[in-house]
Amino acid sequence: MTTRATSHFLLVLALLCLCRPAAADPQNCTRTLEGLAILAGDSPFPLRWEETSMTDGKPLVVSITEKDGALFLAFNKTHEGLWAEGPAVVCRMGAALEARIGRIRIGPAAHWILRQSMAGGSTFALSRRSAGQLQIATPGWKGDFAAKPN
C-alpha cells in the first residue's frame, strides 16, 4: 500500500472509531419527544433547526419527529436533499445531549468523508449555546443552528 493510500485508510479508520457511541446511563436517555423535552429541560423543545454557519448559502435543516413511537432525526440540505436520517436515542451527556442514530440512512447531499464515517451509525452532540441556538457536531463536521417554529 502506498503512503498516500495508508494515510487515507488511517483517516477513515480513525473517523469510524470516533463514531462509536459512548456508554450512557439508560435512565438519562429517551426515544420520545416527551422524554426529549424533559432531558433538555426545555418544554417544548424546538423540533426544527436551521443551520446558520454554512458557507455555501444552503443551510441544513434538522427536523426532530416521532415515527412509530420513536424519535427520528432528519437532516436535509437546502436545494440538495437528504443529508442523513434515522431513528435516534437521545441521552444526556453532562451539559449536552447526544443523539445516536444506529440505522442511519445517508443521502447524496452528505460529503463523501461523512458518508464513510457515518456508514455504521453516528453520534451527534447537541449543545445549547443560548435560547434558540444549538451546535450540532459529529466527527468530521459541526454546525450552528437556530430554532425555527414547529
Foldseek 3Di string as FASTA:
>chain_A
DDPVVVVVVVVLVVLQVQFDDDDDDVVQKDFAQVSVCVNLVHVNDFQWKWFDPDDPPWTWIWGWDHDPNGIKIWTATHPPGGAKIATWMWGDDDQKIKTKGQPMDGDPVHDPSVCSSQVRTGIWIWHAPDVQKIWIDTVPDITIIGGDHD
